[in-house]
Amino acid sequence: MSHPDHPKPHEHEEVEKSKLRTAHAEHTEPHAGPHDPKEINPKMSSDIAYWSKELHVTGDQLHEAIRAHGTHVEKVRAALHHHKTA
């Protein structure tokens, strides 16, 4: 009867090792501005957050303006400005 050089670990030890997690690197934003300064991407939460703050509206108001007027920043800005003064 021969013995292996390296004993095979028990199955539960492998499961325990697989549960160990390494720490993730801290997430940092590469820039604080929009993805594209002339277009609003409604699928990017970072764009919605940026432009909502920039245009002083809620995310829902911004989405509604995008649905009605498109994603070009100046068109959305003009529509929201007109809506506020009306």
C-alpha atoms as a PDB file:
ATOM      1  CA  MET A   1       0.000   0.000   0.000  1.00  0.00           C
ATOM      2  CA  SER A   2       1.594   3.262  -1.095  1.00  0.00           C
ATOM      3  CA  HIS A   3       0.847   6.651   0.427  1.00  0.00           C
ATOM      4  CA  PRO A   4       0.603   9.722  -1.774  1.00  0.00           C
ATOM      5  CA  ASP A   5       3.174  12.459  -1.196  1.00  0.00           C
ATOM      6  CA  HIS A   6       0.464  15.041  -0.709  1.00  0.00           C
ATOM      7  CA  PRO A   7      -2.675  13.910   1.011  1.00  0.00           C
ATOM      8  CA  LYS A   8      -5.857  14.978  -0.769  1.00  0.00           C
ATOM      9  CA  PRO A   9      -7.706  17.616   1.265  1.00  0.00           C
ATOM     10  CA  HIS A  10     -11.102  16.731   2.556  1.00  0.00           C
ATOM     11  CA  GLU A  11     -13.989  18.003   0.508  1.00  0.00           C
ATOM     12  CA  HIS A  12     -15.208  20.340   3.274  1.00  0.00           C
ATOM     13  CA  GLU A  13     -11.797  22.013   3.393  1.00  0.00           C
ATOM     14  CA  GLU A  14     -12.039  22.844  -0.312  1.00  0.00           C
ATOM     15  CA  VAL A  15     -15.506  24.313   0.228  1.00  0.00           C
ATOM     16  CA  GLU A  16     -14.209  26.465   3.087  1.00  0.00           C
ATOM     17  CA  LYS A  17     -11.337  27.731   0.932  1.00  0.00           C
ATOM     18  CA  SER A  18     -13.751  28.659  -1.858  1.00  0.00           C
ATOM     19  CA  LYS A  19     -15.754  30.791   0.584  1.00  0.00           C
ATOM     20  CA  LEU A  20     -12.762  32.966   1.375  1.00  0.00           C
ATOM     21  CA  ARG A  21     -12.927  36.299  -0.383  1.00  0.00           C
ATOM     22  CA  THR A  22     -10.203  38.760  -1.111  1.00  0.00           C
ATOM     23  CA  ALA A  23     -10.854  42.430  -0.559  1.00  0.00           C
ATOM     24  CA  HIS A  24     -11.861  44.388  -3.648  1.00  0.00           C
ATOM     25  CA  ALA A  25     -10.045  47.519  -4.649  1.00  0.00           C
ATOM     26  CA  GLU A  26     -11.847  50.668  -3.625  1.00  0.00           C
ATOM     27  CA  HIS A  27     -14.022  51.985  -6.448  1.00  0.00           C
ATOM     28  CA  THR A  28     -13.133  55.477  -7.531  1.00  0.00           C
ATOM     29  CA  GLU A  29     -14.687  57.527 -10.295  1.00  0.00           C
ATOM     30  CA  PRO A  30     -12.200  58.398 -13.021  1.00  0.00           C
ATOM     31  CA  HIS A  31     -13.889  61.782 -13.497  1.00  0.00           C
ATOM     32  CA  ALA A  32     -16.785  63.627 -11.951  1.00  0.00           C
ATOM     33  CA  GLY A  33     -18.275  64.904 -15.204  1.00  0.00           C
ATOM     34  CA  PRO A  34     -20.658  63.310 -17.662  1.00  0.00           C
ATOM     35  CA  HIS A  35     -19.686  60.474 -19.979  1.00  0.00           C
ATOM     36  CA  ASP A  36     -20.302  62.785 -22.963  1.00  0.00           C
ATOM     37  CA  PRO A  37     -20.666  66.545 -22.393  1.00  0.00           C
ATOM     38  CA  LYS A  38     -23.135  66.925 -25.300  1.00  0.00           C
ATOM     39  CA  GLU A  39     -25.328  63.847 -24.870  1.00  0.00           C
ATOM     40  CA  ILE A  40     -27.136  62.345 -21.885  1.00  0.00           C
ATOM     41  CA  ASN A  41     -27.103  58.558 -21.778  1.00  0.00           C
ATOM     42  CA  PRO A  42     -30.316  57.627 -19.943  1.00  0.00           C
ATOM     43  CA  LYS A  43     -29.011  54.086 -19.381  1.00  0.00           C
ATOM     44  CA  MET A  44     -26.024  55.330 -17.375  1.00  0.00           C
ATOM     45  CA  SER A  45     -26.954  56.084 -13.777  1.00  0.00           C
ATOM     46  CA  SER A  46     -23.858  58.290 -13.492  1.00  0.00           C
ATOM     47  CA  ASP A  47     -25.118  60.478 -16.365  1.00  0.00           C
ATOM     48  CA  ILE A  48     -28.596  60.731 -14.842  1.00  0.00           C
ATOM     49  CA  ALA A  49     -27.120  61.649 -11.453  1.00  0.00           C
ATOM     50  CA  TYR A  50     -24.765  64.236 -12.965  1.00  0.00           C
ATOM     51  CA  TRP A  51     -27.290  65.911 -15.261  1.00  0.00           C
ATOM     52  CA  SER A  52     -30.089  65.858 -12.665  1.00  0.00           C
ATOM     53  CA  LYS A  53     -27.843  67.789 -10.313  1.00  0.00           C
ATOM     54  CA  GLU A  54     -26.543  70.057 -13.070  1.00  0.00           C
ATOM     55  CA  LEU A  55     -30.046  70.897 -14.335  1.00  0.00           C
ATOM     56  CA  HIS A  56     -31.641  71.039 -10.844  1.00  0.00           C
ATOM     57  CA  VAL A  57     -34.281  68.401 -11.567  1.00  0.00           C
ATOM     58  CA  THR A  58     -35.085  64.920 -10.322  1.00  0.00           C
ATOM     59  CA  GLY A  59     -34.032  61.821 -12.228  1.00  0.00           C
ATOM     60  CA  ASP A  60     -37.666  61.215 -13.190  1.00  0.00           C
ATOM     61  CA  GLN A  61     -38.016  64.759 -14.559  1.00  0.00           C
ATOM     62  CA  LEU A  62     -34.815  64.294 -16.535  1.00  0.00           C
ATOM     63  CA  HIS A  63     -36.001  60.962 -17.960  1.00  0.00           C
ATOM     64  CA  GLU A  64     -39.298  62.573 -18.979  1.00  0.00           C
ATOM     65  CA  ALA A  65     -37.479  65.421 -20.726  1.00  0.00           C
ATOM     66  CA  ILE A  66     -35.238  62.924 -22.534  1.00  0.00           C
ATOM     67  CA  ARG A  67     -38.279  60.918 -23.679  1.00  0.00           C
ATOM     68  CA  ALA A  68     -39.916  64.070 -25.045  1.00  0.00           C
ATOM     69  CA  HIS A  69     -36.899  65.950 -26.453  1.00  0.00           C
ATOM     70  CA  GLY A  70     -34.085  63.451 -27.027  1.00  0.00           C
ATOM     71  CA  THR A  71     -30.687  63.100 -25.399  1.00  0.00           C
ATOM     72  CA  HIS A  72     -28.916  66.240 -26.649  1.00  0.00           C
ATOM     73  CA  VAL A  73     -27.975  68.278 -23.576  1.00  0.00           C
ATOM     74  CA  GLU A  74     -28.902  71.689 -25.004  1.00  0.00           C
ATOM     75  CA  LYS A  75     -32.341  70.497 -26.147  1.00  0.00           C
ATOM     76  CA  VAL A  76     -33.054  68.974 -22.731  1.00  0.00           C
ATOM     77  CA  ARG A  77     -31.712  72.080 -20.956  1.00  0.00           C
ATOM     78  CA  ALA A  78     -33.901  74.375 -23.089  1.00  0.00           C
ATOM     79  CA  ALA A  79     -36.983  72.209 -22.573  1.00  0.00           C
ATOM     80  CA  LEU A  80     -36.485  72.086 -18.812  1.00  0.00           C
ATOM     81  CA  HIS A  81     -35.819  75.856 -18.651  1.00  0.00           C
ATOM     82  CA  HIS A  82     -38.965  76.524 -20.694  1.00  0.00           C
ATOM     83  CA  HIS A  83     -40.958  74.175 -18.448  1.00  0.00           C
ATOM     84  CA  LYS A  84     -39.747  75.974 -15.296  1.00  0.00           C
ATOM     85  CA  THR A  85     -40.643  79.438 -16.621  1.00  0.00           C
ATOM     86  CA  ALA A  86     -44.044  78.403 -18.022  1.00  0.00           C
END
